[in-house]
């Protein structure tokens, strides 16, 4: 049986890998393992050891703590309770693609787009 923490960590690995446009194969090569192992981590089938998580965090350029953010919501989802807003976003491919595209925009333009989105959301409320 999958442990909710393993599932959550795996989802965060997949989310970050996808956000930076890295394939499972590329991550596996960066960490020194086979891509099938990355698949098992991402589905929560296999637990990620502390040293491997350290290597993955380095390859994905995030702190180790990134993989545990929102953990309370992940545990609730795994037990059948309603998913948190963050958990839903991590599953929504459209939202992930939007965020990925957003970060591909040059920083000065990205700030302007952010301000526009904030004004539009305030107007819609």
PDB file of N, CA and C in Angstrom:
ATOM      1  N   UNK A   1       0.841  -1.184   0.000  1.00  0.00           N
ATOM      2  CA  UNK A   1       0.000   0.000   0.000  1.00  0.00           C
ATOM      3  C   UNK A   1       0.886   1.248   0.000  1.00  0.00           C
ATOM      4  N   UNK A   2       0.505   2.212  -0.802  1.00  0.00           N
ATOM      5  CA  UNK A   2       1.268   3.451  -0.890  1.00  0.00           C
ATOM      6  C   UNK A   2       1.055   4.303   0.352  1.00  0.00           C
ATOM      7  N   UNK A   3       2.126   4.866   0.846  1.00  0.00           N
ATOM      8  CA  UNK A   3       2.027   5.783   1.988  1.00  0.00           C
ATOM      9  C   UNK A   3       1.724   7.181   1.447  1.00  0.00           C
ATOM     10  N   UNK A   4       0.808   7.926   2.089  1.00  0.00           N
ATOM     11  CA  UNK A   4       0.443   9.261   1.595  1.00  0.00           C
ATOM     12  C   UNK A   4       1.635  10.203   1.439  1.00  0.00           C
ATOM     13  N   UNK A   5       2.632  10.091   2.296  1.00  0.00           N
ATOM     14  CA  UNK A   5       3.809  10.963   2.177  1.00  0.00           C
ATOM     15  C   UNK A   5       4.588  10.626   0.921  1.00  0.00           C
ATOM     16  N   UNK A   6       4.740   9.334   0.619  1.00  0.00           N
ATOM     17  CA  UNK A   6       5.459   8.920  -0.594  1.00  0.00           C
ATOM     18  C   UNK A   6       4.732   9.405  -1.848  1.00  0.00           C
ATOM     19  N   UNK A   7       3.404   9.315  -1.822  1.00  0.00           N
ATOM     20  CA  UNK A   7       2.600   9.789  -2.960  1.00  0.00           C
ATOM     21  C   UNK A   7       2.771  11.293  -3.132  1.00  0.00           C
ATOM     22  N   UNK A   8       2.717  12.032  -2.019  1.00  0.00           N
ATOM     23  CA  UNK A   8       2.855  13.486  -2.076  1.00  0.00           C
ATOM     24  C   UNK A   8       4.228  13.895  -2.603  1.00  0.00           C
ATOM     25  N   UNK A   9       5.274  13.300  -2.076  1.00  0.00           N
ATOM     26  CA  UNK A   9       6.631  13.618  -2.526  1.00  0.00           C
ATOM     27  C   UNK A   9       6.761  13.308  -4.013  1.00  0.00           C
ATOM     28  N   UNK A  10       6.242  12.173  -4.434  1.00  0.00           N
ATOM     29  CA  UNK A  10       6.296  11.801  -5.851  1.00  0.00           C
ATOM     30  C   UNK A  10       5.581  12.796  -6.747  1.00  0.00           C
ATOM     31  N   UNK A  11       4.415  13.274  -6.297  1.00  0.00           N
ATOM     32  CA  UNK A  11       3.685  14.276  -7.077  1.00  0.00           C
ATOM     33  C   UNK A  11       4.476  15.570  -7.188  1.00  0.00           C
ATOM     34  N   UNK A  12       5.141  15.937  -6.093  1.00  0.00           N
ATOM     35  CA  UNK A  12       5.940  17.166  -6.114  1.00  0.00           C
ATOM     36  C   UNK A  12       7.152  17.013  -7.039  1.00  0.00           C
ATOM     37  N   UNK A  13       7.738  15.829  -7.077  1.00  0.00           N
ATOM     38  CA  UNK A  13       8.854  15.580  -8.006  1.00  0.00           C
ATOM     39  C   UNK A  13       8.351  15.738  -9.437  1.00  0.00           C
ATOM     40  N   UNK A  14       7.229  15.070  -9.749  1.00  0.00           N
ATOM     41  CA  UNK A  14       6.672  15.147 -11.099  1.00  0.00           C
ATOM     42  C   UNK A  14       6.303  16.585 -11.461  1.00  0.00           C
ATOM     43  N   UNK A  15       5.681  17.282 -10.518  1.00  0.00           N
ATOM     44  CA  UNK A  15       5.266  18.666 -10.755  1.00  0.00           C
ATOM     45  C   UNK A  15       6.473  19.549 -11.093  1.00  0.00           C
ATOM     46  N   UNK A  16       7.495  19.490 -10.284  1.00  0.00           N
ATOM     47  CA  UNK A  16       8.671  20.337 -10.509  1.00  0.00           C
ATOM     48  C   UNK A  16       9.381  19.945 -11.803  1.00  0.00           C
ATOM     49  N   UNK A  17       9.515  18.651 -12.054  1.00  0.00           N
ATOM     50  CA  UNK A  17      10.172  18.184 -13.270  1.00  0.00           C
ATOM     51  C   UNK A  17       9.424  18.699 -14.487  1.00  0.00           C
ATOM     52  N   UNK A  18       8.106  18.609 -14.445  1.00  0.00           N
ATOM     53  CA  UNK A  18       7.297  19.063 -15.566  1.00  0.00           C
ATOM     54  C   UNK A  18       7.388  20.571 -15.730  1.00  0.00           C
ATOM     55  N   UNK A  19       7.401  21.304 -14.611  1.00  0.00           N
ATOM     56  CA  UNK A  19       7.447  22.762 -14.660  1.00  0.00           C
ATOM     57  C   UNK A  19       8.721  23.272 -15.330  1.00  0.00           C
ATOM     58  N   UNK A  20       9.814  22.579 -15.154  1.00  0.00           N
ATOM     59  CA  UNK A  20      11.059  23.046 -15.771  1.00  0.00           C
ATOM     60  C   UNK A  20      11.322  22.376 -17.107  1.00  0.00           C
ATOM     61  N   UNK A  21      10.375  21.564 -17.570  1.00  0.00           N
ATOM     62  CA  UNK A  21      10.491  20.948 -18.890  1.00  0.00           C
ATOM     63  C   UNK A  21      11.508  19.823 -18.963  1.00  0.00           C
ATOM     64  N   UNK A  22      11.676  19.099 -17.881  1.00  0.00           N
ATOM     65  CA  UNK A  22      12.646  18.005 -17.830  1.00  0.00           C
ATOM     66  C   UNK A  22      11.901  16.678 -17.973  1.00  0.00           C
ATOM     67  N   UNK A  23      12.463  15.771 -18.741  1.00  0.00           N
ATOM     68  CA  UNK A  23      11.862  14.448 -18.887  1.00  0.00           C
ATOM     69  C   UNK A  23      12.298  13.548 -17.735  1.00  0.00           C
ATOM     70  N   UNK A  24      11.601  12.437 -17.592  1.00  0.00           N
ATOM     71  CA  UNK A  24      12.007  11.458 -16.580  1.00  0.00           C
ATOM     72  C   UNK A  24      13.415  10.945 -16.888  1.00  0.00           C
ATOM     73  N   UNK A  25      13.704  10.756 -18.146  1.00  0.00           N
ATOM     74  CA  UNK A  25      15.026  10.274 -18.553  1.00  0.00           C
ATOM     75  C   UNK A  25      16.116  11.280 -18.164  1.00  0.00           C
ATOM     76  N   UNK A  26      15.875  12.550 -18.412  1.00  0.00           N
ATOM     77  CA  UNK A  26      16.863  13.575 -18.067  1.00  0.00           C
ATOM     78  C   UNK A  26      17.090  13.641 -16.559  1.00  0.00           C
ATOM     79  N   UNK A  27      16.016  13.557 -15.785  1.00  0.00           N
ATOM     80  CA  UNK A  27      16.164  13.568 -14.336  1.00  0.00           C
ATOM     81  C   UNK A  27      16.918  12.340 -13.864  1.00  0.00           C
ATOM     82  N   UNK A  28      16.569  11.205 -14.419  1.00  0.00           N
ATOM     83  CA  UNK A  28      17.248   9.962 -14.039  1.00  0.00           C
ATOM     84  C   UNK A  28      18.744  10.050 -14.320  1.00  0.00           C
ATOM     85  N   UNK A  29      19.099  10.572 -15.476  1.00  0.00           N
ATOM     86  CA  UNK A  29      20.519  10.714 -15.822  1.00  0.00           C
ATOM     87  C   UNK A  29      21.224  11.679 -14.876  1.00  0.00           C
ATOM     88  N   UNK A  30      20.551  12.761 -14.509  1.00  0.00           N
ATOM     89  CA  UNK A  30      21.146  13.744 -13.606  1.00  0.00           C
ATOM     90  C   UNK A  30      21.383  13.164 -12.214  1.00  0.00           C
ATOM     91  N   UNK A  31      20.528  12.228 -11.835  1.00  0.00           N
ATOM     92  CA  UNK A  31      20.613  11.632 -10.505  1.00  0.00           C
ATOM     93  C   UNK A  31      21.443  10.344 -10.516  1.00  0.00           C
ATOM     94  N   UNK A  32      21.590   9.750 -11.697  1.00  0.00           N
ATOM     95  CA  UNK A  32      22.387   8.527 -11.811  1.00  0.00           C
ATOM     96  C   UNK A  32      21.608   7.244 -11.597  1.00  0.00           C
ATOM     97  N   UNK A  33      20.338   7.259 -12.018  1.00  0.00           N
ATOM     98  CA  UNK A  33      19.501   6.066 -11.906  1.00  0.00           C
ATOM     99  C   UNK A  33      18.756   5.859 -13.220  1.00  0.00           C
ATOM    100  N   UNK A  34      17.955   4.796 -13.303  1.00  0.00           N
ATOM    101  CA  UNK A  34      17.165   4.535 -14.504  1.00  0.00           C
ATOM    102  C   UNK A  34      15.833   5.281 -14.426  1.00  0.00           C
ATOM    103  N   UNK A  35      15.290   5.629 -15.580  1.00  0.00           N
ATOM    104  CA  UNK A  35      14.059   6.424 -15.589  1.00  0.00           C
ATOM    105  C   UNK A  35      12.887   5.665 -14.975  1.00  0.00           C
ATOM    106  N   UNK A  36      12.933   4.337 -15.008  1.00  0.00           N
ATOM    107  CA  UNK A  36      11.857   3.552 -14.399  1.00  0.00           C
ATOM    108  C   UNK A  36      11.773   3.826 -12.892  1.00  0.00           C
ATOM    109  N   UNK A  37      12.934   4.086 -12.276  1.00  0.00           N
ATOM    110  CA  UNK A  37      12.934   4.390 -10.854  1.00  0.00           C
ATOM    111  C   UNK A  37      12.256   5.733 -10.594  1.00  0.00           C
ATOM    112  N   UNK A  38      12.494   6.696 -11.494  1.00  0.00           N
ATOM    113  CA  UNK A  38      11.815   7.997 -11.372  1.00  0.00           C
ATOM    114  C   UNK A  38      10.309   7.786 -11.471  1.00  0.00           C
ATOM    115  N   UNK A  39       9.877   6.924 -12.394  1.00  0.00           N
ATOM    116  CA  UNK A  39       8.454   6.624 -12.523  1.00  0.00           C
ATOM    117  C   UNK A  39       7.890   6.087 -11.208  1.00  0.00           C
ATOM    118  N   UNK A  40       8.611   5.193 -10.589  1.00  0.00           N
ATOM    119  CA  UNK A  40       8.155   4.602  -9.329  1.00  0.00           C
ATOM    120  C   UNK A  40       8.112   5.635  -8.209  1.00  0.00           C
ATOM    121  N   UNK A  41       9.086   6.544  -8.190  1.00  0.00           N
ATOM    122  CA  UNK A  41       9.057   7.619  -7.196  1.00  0.00           C
ATOM    123  C   UNK A  41       7.850   8.513  -7.417  1.00  0.00           C
ATOM    124  N   UNK A  42       7.610   8.881  -8.668  1.00  0.00           N
ATOM    125  CA  UNK A  42       6.544   9.828  -8.978  1.00  0.00           C
ATOM    126  C   UNK A  42       5.155   9.270  -8.694  1.00  0.00           C
ATOM    127  N   UNK A  43       4.999   7.976  -8.757  1.00  0.00           N
ATOM    128  CA  UNK A  43       3.698   7.370  -8.456  1.00  0.00           C
ATOM    129  C   UNK A  43       3.564   7.005  -6.988  1.00  0.00           C
ATOM    130  N   UNK A  44       4.653   7.104  -6.242  1.00  0.00           N
ATOM    131  CA  UNK A  44       4.626   6.746  -4.835  1.00  0.00           C
ATOM    132  C   UNK A  44       4.796   5.261  -4.591  1.00  0.00           C
ATOM    133  N   UNK A  45       5.074   4.494  -5.639  1.00  0.00           N
ATOM    134  CA  UNK A  45       5.279   3.051  -5.482  1.00  0.00           C
ATOM    135  C   UNK A  45       6.545   2.760  -4.677  1.00  0.00           C
ATOM    136  N   UNK A  46       7.576   3.551  -4.906  1.00  0.00           N
ATOM    137  CA  UNK A  46       8.825   3.406  -4.155  1.00  0.00           C
ATOM    138  C   UNK A  46       9.073   4.663  -3.343  1.00  0.00           C
ATOM    139  N   UNK A  47       9.619   4.474  -2.170  1.00  0.00           N
ATOM    140  CA  UNK A  47       9.997   5.608  -1.332  1.00  0.00           C
ATOM    141  C   UNK A  47      11.319   6.165  -1.804  1.00  0.00           C
ATOM    142  N   UNK A  48      11.458   7.476  -1.662  1.00  0.00           N
ATOM    143  CA  UNK A  48      12.699   8.148  -2.026  1.00  0.00           C
ATOM    144  C   UNK A  48      13.552   8.263  -0.760  1.00  0.00           C
ATOM    145  N   UNK A  49      14.762   7.731  -0.803  1.00  0.00           N
ATOM    146  CA  UNK A  49      15.653   7.854   0.352  1.00  0.00           C
ATOM    147  C   UNK A  49      16.082   9.311   0.514  1.00  0.00           C
ATOM    148  N   UNK A  50      16.572   9.636   1.690  1.00  0.00           N
ATOM    149  CA  UNK A  50      17.004  11.007   1.975  1.00  0.00           C
ATOM    150  C   UNK A  50      18.107  11.448   1.022  1.00  0.00           C
ATOM    151  N   UNK A  51      19.086  10.588   0.783  1.00  0.00           N
ATOM    152  CA  UNK A  51      20.196  10.970  -0.097  1.00  0.00           C
ATOM    153  C   UNK A  51      19.728  11.127  -1.538  1.00  0.00           C
ATOM    154  N   UNK A  52      18.802  10.269  -1.979  1.00  0.00           N
ATOM    155  CA  UNK A  52      18.276  10.376  -3.341  1.00  0.00           C
ATOM    156  C   UNK A  52      17.431  11.640  -3.471  1.00  0.00           C
ATOM    157  N   UNK A  53      16.648  11.967  -2.436  1.00  0.00           N
ATOM    158  CA  UNK A  53      15.839  13.188  -2.471  1.00  0.00           C
ATOM    159  C   UNK A  53      16.744  14.412  -2.541  1.00  0.00           C
ATOM    160  N   UNK A  54      17.858  14.346  -1.857  1.00  0.00           N
ATOM    161  CA  UNK A  54      18.845  15.427  -1.921  1.00  0.00           C
ATOM    162  C   UNK A  54      19.336  15.600  -3.355  1.00  0.00           C
ATOM    163  N   UNK A  55      19.676  14.488  -4.008  1.00  0.00           N
ATOM    164  CA  UNK A  55      20.149  14.528  -5.401  1.00  0.00           C
ATOM    165  C   UNK A  55      19.061  15.054  -6.336  1.00  0.00           C
ATOM    166  N   UNK A  56      17.833  14.620  -6.117  1.00  0.00           N
ATOM    167  CA  UNK A  56      16.716  15.070  -6.956  1.00  0.00           C
ATOM    168  C   UNK A  56      16.484  16.561  -6.759  1.00  0.00           C
ATOM    169  N   UNK A  57      16.546  17.016  -5.516  1.00  0.00           N
ATOM    170  CA  UNK A  57      16.342  18.445  -5.267  1.00  0.00           C
ATOM    171  C   UNK A  57      17.416  19.276  -5.949  1.00  0.00           C
ATOM    172  N   UNK A  58      18.635  18.765  -5.956  1.00  0.00           N
ATOM    173  CA  UNK A  58      19.726  19.459  -6.637  1.00  0.00           C
ATOM    174  C   UNK A  58      19.482  19.494  -8.151  1.00  0.00           C
ATOM    175  N   UNK A  59      19.073  18.366  -8.717  1.00  0.00           N
ATOM    176  CA  UNK A  59      18.822  18.291 -10.162  1.00  0.00           C
ATOM    177  C   UNK A  59      17.656  19.173 -10.582  1.00  0.00           C
ATOM    178  N   UNK A  60      16.663  19.307  -9.707  1.00  0.00           N
ATOM    179  CA  UNK A  60      15.476  20.109 -10.018  1.00  0.00           C
ATOM    180  C   UNK A  60      15.585  21.544  -9.514  1.00  0.00           C
ATOM    181  N   UNK A  61      16.706  21.861  -8.859  1.00  0.00           N
ATOM    182  CA  UNK A  61      17.005  23.212  -8.387  1.00  0.00           C
ATOM    183  C   UNK A  61      15.944  23.760  -7.425  1.00  0.00           C
ATOM    184  N   UNK A  62      15.588  22.934  -6.446  1.00  0.00           N
ATOM    185  CA  UNK A  62      14.678  23.349  -5.379  1.00  0.00           C
ATOM    186  C   UNK A  62      15.227  22.824  -4.050  1.00  0.00           C
ATOM    187  N   UNK A  63      14.854  23.457  -2.937  1.00  0.00           N
ATOM    188  CA  UNK A  63      15.271  22.903  -1.642  1.00  0.00           C
ATOM    189  C   UNK A  63      14.508  21.610  -1.352  1.00  0.00           C
ATOM    190  N   UNK A  64      15.072  20.761  -0.534  1.00  0.00           N
ATOM    191  CA  UNK A  64      14.421  19.498  -0.174  1.00  0.00           C
ATOM    192  C   UNK A  64      13.032  19.751   0.410  1.00  0.00           C
ATOM    193  N   UNK A  65      12.880  20.826   1.155  1.00  0.00           N
ATOM    194  CA  UNK A  65      11.588  21.147   1.779  1.00  0.00           C
ATOM    195  C   UNK A  65      10.469  21.317   0.749  1.00  0.00           C
ATOM    196  N   UNK A  66      10.820  21.660  -0.484  1.00  0.00           N
ATOM    197  CA  UNK A  66       9.828  21.827  -1.543  1.00  0.00           C
ATOM    198  C   UNK A  66       8.935  20.598  -1.674  1.00  0.00           C
ATOM    199  N   UNK A  67       9.520  19.420  -1.525  1.00  0.00           N
ATOM    200  CA  UNK A  67       8.784  18.178  -1.735  1.00  0.00           C
ATOM    201  C   UNK A  67       7.770  17.886  -0.632  1.00  0.00           C
ATOM    202  N   UNK A  68       7.879  18.597   0.486  1.00  0.00           N
ATOM    203  CA  UNK A  68       6.977  18.370   1.606  1.00  0.00           C
ATOM    204  C   UNK A  68       5.953  19.492   1.782  1.00  0.00           C
ATOM    205  N   UNK A  69       6.037  20.533   0.959  1.00  0.00           N
ATOM    206  CA  UNK A  69       5.077  21.630   1.048  1.00  0.00           C
ATOM    207  C   UNK A  69       3.672  21.121   0.770  1.00  0.00           C
ATOM    208  N   UNK A  70       2.719  21.568   1.578  1.00  0.00           N
ATOM    209  CA  UNK A  70       1.329  21.171   1.394  1.00  0.00           C
ATOM    210  C   UNK A  70       1.040  19.745   1.813  1.00  0.00           C
ATOM    211  N   UNK A  71       1.876  19.163   2.624  1.00  0.00           N
ATOM    212  CA  UNK A  71       1.740  17.751   2.978  1.00  0.00           C
ATOM    213  C   UNK A  71       0.432  17.441   3.683  1.00  0.00           C
ATOM    214  N   UNK A  72      -0.067  18.327   4.527  1.00  0.00           N
ATOM    215  CA  UNK A  72      -1.320  18.053   5.222  1.00  0.00           C
ATOM    216  C   UNK A  72      -2.453  17.814   4.230  1.00  0.00           C
ATOM    217  N   UNK A  73      -2.512  18.612   3.172  1.00  0.00           N
ATOM    218  CA  UNK A  73      -3.533  18.436   2.142  1.00  0.00           C
ATOM    219  C   UNK A  73      -3.382  17.124   1.409  1.00  0.00           C
ATOM    220  N   UNK A  74      -2.132  16.680   1.217  1.00  0.00           N
ATOM    221  CA  UNK A  74      -1.899  15.416   0.517  1.00  0.00           C
ATOM    222  C   UNK A  74      -2.393  14.250   1.348  1.00  0.00           C
ATOM    223  N   UNK A  75      -2.191  14.324   2.666  1.00  0.00           N
ATOM    224  CA  UNK A  75      -2.652  13.249   3.528  1.00  0.00           C
ATOM    225  C   UNK A  75      -4.172  13.176   3.516  1.00  0.00           C
ATOM    226  N   UNK A  76      -4.845  14.346   3.520  1.00  0.00           N
ATOM    227  CA  UNK A  76      -6.298  14.357   3.471  1.00  0.00           C
ATOM    228  C   UNK A  76      -6.794  13.751   2.163  1.00  0.00           C
ATOM    229  N   UNK A  77      -6.168  14.103   1.050  1.00  0.00           N
ATOM    230  CA  UNK A  77      -6.583  13.574  -0.245  1.00  0.00           C
ATOM    231  C   UNK A  77      -6.411  12.067  -0.297  1.00  0.00           C
ATOM    232  N   UNK A  78      -5.320  11.582   0.262  1.00  0.00           N
ATOM    233  CA  UNK A  78      -5.032  10.157   0.216  1.00  0.00           C
ATOM    234  C   UNK A  78      -6.044   9.370   1.043  1.00  0.00           C
ATOM    235  N   UNK A  79      -6.659   9.990   2.033  1.00  0.00           N
ATOM    236  CA  UNK A  79      -7.638   9.293   2.859  1.00  0.00           C
ATOM    237  C   UNK A  79      -9.055   9.499   2.342  1.00  0.00           C
ATOM    238  N   UNK A  80      -9.199  10.206   1.227  1.00  0.00           N
ATOM    239  CA  UNK A  80     -10.508  10.375   0.618  1.00  0.00           C
ATOM    240  C   UNK A  80     -11.177  11.702   0.917  1.00  0.00           C
ATOM    241  N   UNK A  81     -10.588  12.563   1.717  1.00  0.00           N
ATOM    242  CA  UNK A  81     -11.175  13.876   2.000  1.00  0.00           C
ATOM    243  C   UNK A  81     -10.978  14.784   0.794  1.00  0.00           C
ATOM    244  N   UNK A  82     -11.623  15.929   0.809  1.00  0.00           N
ATOM    245  CA  UNK A  82     -11.507  16.870  -0.311  1.00  0.00           C
ATOM    246  C   UNK A  82     -10.071  17.346  -0.466  1.00  0.00           C
ATOM    247  N   UNK A  83      -9.644  17.488  -1.713  1.00  0.00           N
ATOM    248  CA  UNK A  83      -8.282  17.958  -1.992  1.00  0.00           C
ATOM    249  C   UNK A  83      -8.186  19.448  -1.728  1.00  0.00           C
ATOM    250  N   UNK A  84      -7.012  19.899  -1.343  1.00  0.00           N
ATOM    251  CA  UNK A  84      -6.800  21.325  -1.151  1.00  0.00           C
ATOM    252  C   UNK A  84      -6.694  22.002  -2.503  1.00  0.00           C
ATOM    253  N   UNK A  85      -6.807  23.326  -2.509  1.00  0.00           N
ATOM    254  CA  UNK A  85      -6.681  24.065  -3.764  1.00  0.00           C
ATOM    255  C   UNK A  85      -5.319  23.816  -4.395  1.00  0.00           C
ATOM    256  N   UNK A  86      -4.264  23.762  -3.595  1.00  0.00           N
ATOM    257  CA  UNK A  86      -2.931  23.511  -4.135  1.00  0.00           C
ATOM    258  C   UNK A  86      -2.863  22.116  -4.728  1.00  0.00           C
ATOM    259  N   UNK A  87      -3.433  21.142  -4.063  1.00  0.00           N
ATOM    260  CA  UNK A  87      -3.426  19.775  -4.571  1.00  0.00           C
ATOM    261  C   UNK A  87      -4.145  19.677  -5.899  1.00  0.00           C
ATOM    262  N   UNK A  88      -5.278  20.378  -6.018  1.00  0.00           N
ATOM    263  CA  UNK A  88      -6.011  20.374  -7.279  1.00  0.00           C
ATOM    264  C   UNK A  88      -5.179  20.985  -8.387  1.00  0.00           C
ATOM    265  N   UNK A  89      -4.458  22.056  -8.091  1.00  0.00           N
ATOM    266  CA  UNK A  89      -3.656  22.720  -9.106  1.00  0.00           C
ATOM    267  C   UNK A  89      -2.555  21.796  -9.622  1.00  0.00           C
ATOM    268  N   UNK A  90      -1.977  21.002  -8.743  1.00  0.00           N
ATOM    269  CA  UNK A  90      -0.896  20.122  -9.156  1.00  0.00           C
ATOM    270  C   UNK A  90      -1.378  19.027 -10.092  1.00  0.00           C
ATOM    271  N   UNK A  91      -2.673  18.738 -10.073  1.00  0.00           N
ATOM    272  CA  UNK A  91      -3.228  17.695 -10.925  1.00  0.00           C
ATOM    273  C   UNK A  91      -3.716  18.283 -12.252  1.00  0.00           C
ATOM    274  N   UNK A  92      -4.077  19.550 -12.265  1.00  0.00           N
ATOM    275  CA  UNK A  92      -4.652  20.212 -13.431  1.00  0.00           C
ATOM    276  C   UNK A  92      -3.560  20.564 -14.444  1.00  0.00           C
ATOM    277  N   UNK A  93      -3.527  19.827 -15.555  1.00  0.00           N
ATOM    278  CA  UNK A  93      -2.501  20.055 -16.581  1.00  0.00           C
ATOM    279  C   UNK A  93      -2.578  21.466 -17.151  1.00  0.00           C
ATOM    280  N   UNK A  94      -3.777  21.990 -17.311  1.00  0.00           N
ATOM    281  CA  UNK A  94      -3.931  23.330 -17.869  1.00  0.00           C
ATOM    282  C   UNK A  94      -3.303  24.368 -16.949  1.00  0.00           C
ATOM    283  N   UNK A  95      -3.521  24.241 -15.644  1.00  0.00           N
ATOM    284  CA  UNK A  95      -2.929  25.178 -14.697  1.00  0.00           C
ATOM    285  C   UNK A  95      -1.406  25.057 -14.698  1.00  0.00           C
ATOM    286  N   UNK A  96      -0.908  23.849 -14.777  1.00  0.00           N
ATOM    287  CA  UNK A  96       0.543  23.650 -14.816  1.00  0.00           C
ATOM    288  C   UNK A  96       1.147  24.253 -16.075  1.00  0.00           C
ATOM    289  N   UNK A  97       0.460  24.067 -17.192  1.00  0.00           N
ATOM    290  CA  UNK A  97       0.957  24.632 -18.444  1.00  0.00           C
ATOM    291  C   UNK A  97       0.936  26.158 -18.400  1.00  0.00           C
ATOM    292  N   UNK A  98      -0.089  26.724 -17.779  1.00  0.00           N
ATOM    293  CA  UNK A  98      -0.178  28.174 -17.635  1.00  0.00           C
ATOM    294  C   UNK A  98       0.982  28.704 -16.801  1.00  0.00           C
ATOM    295  N   UNK A  99       1.261  28.055 -15.683  1.00  0.00           N
ATOM    296  CA  UNK A  99       2.363  28.485 -14.818  1.00  0.00           C
ATOM    297  C   UNK A  99       3.700  28.332 -15.541  1.00  0.00           C
ATOM    298  N   UNK A 100       3.859  27.249 -16.243  1.00  0.00           N
ATOM    299  CA  UNK A 100       5.100  27.016 -16.998  1.00  0.00           C
ATOM    300  C   UNK A 100       5.298  28.103 -18.058  1.00  0.00           C
ATOM    301  N   UNK A 101       4.226  28.431 -18.766  1.00  0.00           N
ATOM    302  CA  UNK A 101       4.297  29.478 -19.784  1.00  0.00           C
ATOM    303  C   UNK A 101       4.580  30.829 -19.157  1.00  0.00           C
ATOM    304  N   UNK A 102       3.967  31.073 -18.006  1.00  0.00           N
ATOM    305  CA  UNK A 102       4.168  32.337 -17.288  1.00  0.00           C
ATOM    306  C   UNK A 102       5.647  32.542 -16.970  1.00  0.00           C
ATOM    307  N   UNK A 103       6.295  31.514 -16.470  1.00  0.00           N
ATOM    308  CA  UNK A 103       7.697  31.645 -16.099  1.00  0.00           C
ATOM    309  C   UNK A 103       8.640  31.676 -17.305  1.00  0.00           C
ATOM    310  N   UNK A 104       8.119  31.350 -18.480  1.00  0.00           N
ATOM    311  CA  UNK A 104       8.925  31.450 -19.692  1.00  0.00           C
ATOM    312  C   UNK A 104       8.970  32.889 -20.221  1.00  0.00           C
ATOM    313  N   UNK A 105       8.082  33.736 -19.722  1.00  0.00           N
ATOM    314  CA  UNK A 105       8.025  35.137 -20.141  1.00  0.00           C
ATOM    315  C   UNK A 105       9.143  35.905 -19.434  1.00  0.00           C
ATOM    316  N   UNK A 106       9.815  36.825 -20.121  1.00  0.00           N
ATOM    317  CA  UNK A 106      10.849  37.636 -19.466  1.00  0.00           C
ATOM    318  C   UNK A 106      10.302  38.331 -18.219  1.00  0.00           C
ATOM    319  N   UNK A 107      11.151  38.498 -17.217  1.00  0.00           N
ATOM    320  CA  UNK A 107      10.711  38.954 -15.898  1.00  0.00           C
ATOM    321  C   UNK A 107       9.950  40.283 -15.915  1.00  0.00           C
ATOM    322  N   UNK A 108      10.426  41.264 -16.655  1.00  0.00           N
ATOM    323  CA  UNK A 108       9.736  42.560 -16.650  1.00  0.00           C
ATOM    324  C   UNK A 108       8.330  42.446 -17.244  1.00  0.00           C
ATOM    325  N   UNK A 109       8.184  41.660 -18.288  1.00  0.00           N
ATOM    326  CA  UNK A 109       6.863  41.453 -18.883  1.00  0.00           C
ATOM    327  C   UNK A 109       5.988  40.592 -17.978  1.00  0.00           C
ATOM    328  N   UNK A 110       6.620  39.652 -17.301  1.00  0.00           N
ATOM    329  CA  UNK A 110       5.894  38.772 -16.392  1.00  0.00           C
ATOM    330  C   UNK A 110       5.268  39.578 -15.253  1.00  0.00           C
ATOM    331  N   UNK A 111       6.004  40.543 -14.710  1.00  0.00           N
ATOM    332  CA  UNK A 111       5.449  41.388 -13.638  1.00  0.00           C
ATOM    333  C   UNK A 111       4.240  42.159 -14.128  1.00  0.00           C
ATOM    334  N   UNK A 112       4.325  42.684 -15.349  1.00  0.00           N
ATOM    335  CA  UNK A 112       3.203  43.437 -15.905  1.00  0.00           C
ATOM    336  C   UNK A 112       1.986  42.533 -16.115  1.00  0.00           C
ATOM    337  N   UNK A 113       2.231  41.323 -16.583  1.00  0.00           N
ATOM    338  CA  UNK A 113       1.143  40.362 -16.769  1.00  0.00           C
ATOM    339  C   UNK A 113       0.514  39.999 -15.425  1.00  0.00           C
ATOM    340  N   UNK A 114       1.334  39.840 -14.412  1.00  0.00           N
ATOM    341  CA  UNK A 114       0.841  39.532 -13.070  1.00  0.00           C
ATOM    342  C   UNK A 114      -0.068  40.648 -12.562  1.00  0.00           C
ATOM    343  N   UNK A 115       0.370  41.896 -12.740  1.00  0.00           N
ATOM    344  CA  UNK A 115      -0.444  43.036 -12.302  1.00  0.00           C
ATOM    345  C   UNK A 115      -1.769  43.082 -13.063  1.00  0.00           C
ATOM    346  N   UNK A 116      -1.723  42.788 -14.362  1.00  0.00           N
ATOM    347  CA  UNK A 116      -2.958  42.751 -15.159  1.00  0.00           C
ATOM    348  C   UNK A 116      -3.894  41.666 -14.629  1.00  0.00           C
ATOM    349  N   UNK A 117      -3.364  40.495 -14.352  1.00  0.00           N
ATOM    350  CA  UNK A 117      -4.192  39.399 -13.822  1.00  0.00           C
ATOM    351  C   UNK A 117      -4.784  39.778 -12.475  1.00  0.00           C
ATOM    352  N   UNK A 118      -4.031  40.444 -11.651  1.00  0.00           N
ATOM    353  CA  UNK A 118      -4.533  40.866 -10.331  1.00  0.00           C
ATOM    354  C   UNK A 118      -5.690  41.854 -10.508  1.00  0.00           C
ATOM    355  N   UNK A 119      -5.543  42.838 -11.406  1.00  0.00           N
ATOM    356  CA  UNK A 119      -6.592  43.827 -11.641  1.00  0.00           C
ATOM    357  C   UNK A 119      -7.842  43.134 -12.186  1.00  0.00           C
ATOM    358  N   UNK A 120      -7.658  42.221 -13.124  1.00  0.00           N
ATOM    359  CA  UNK A 120      -8.822  41.512 -13.698  1.00  0.00           C
ATOM    360  C   UNK A 120      -9.537  40.668 -12.653  1.00  0.00           C
ATOM    361  N   UNK A 121      -8.780  40.009 -11.795  1.00  0.00           N
ATOM    362  CA  UNK A 121      -9.430  39.174 -10.765  1.00  0.00           C
ATOM    363  C   UNK A 121     -10.153  40.038  -9.738  1.00  0.00           C
ATOM    364  N   UNK A 122      -9.597  41.210  -9.413  1.00  0.00           N
ATOM    365  CA  UNK A 122     -10.275  42.129  -8.494  1.00  0.00           C
ATOM    366  C   UNK A 122     -11.574  42.645  -9.124  1.00  0.00           C
ATOM    367  N   UNK A 123     -11.538  42.918 -10.424  1.00  0.00           N
ATOM    368  CA  UNK A 123     -12.718  43.424 -11.125  1.00  0.00           C
ATOM    369  C   UNK A 123     -13.804  42.356 -11.210  1.00  0.00           C
ATOM    370  N   UNK A 124     -13.396  41.099 -11.303  1.00  0.00           N
ATOM    371  CA  UNK A 124     -14.361  40.005 -11.426  1.00  0.00           C
ATOM    372  C   UNK A 124     -15.040  39.660 -10.105  1.00  0.00           C
ATOM    373  N   UNK A 125     -14.423  40.072  -9.014  1.00  0.00           N
ATOM    374  CA  UNK A 125     -14.967  39.701  -7.680  1.00  0.00           C
ATOM    375  C   UNK A 125     -16.139  40.539  -7.258  1.00  0.00           C
TER     376      UNK A 125
END
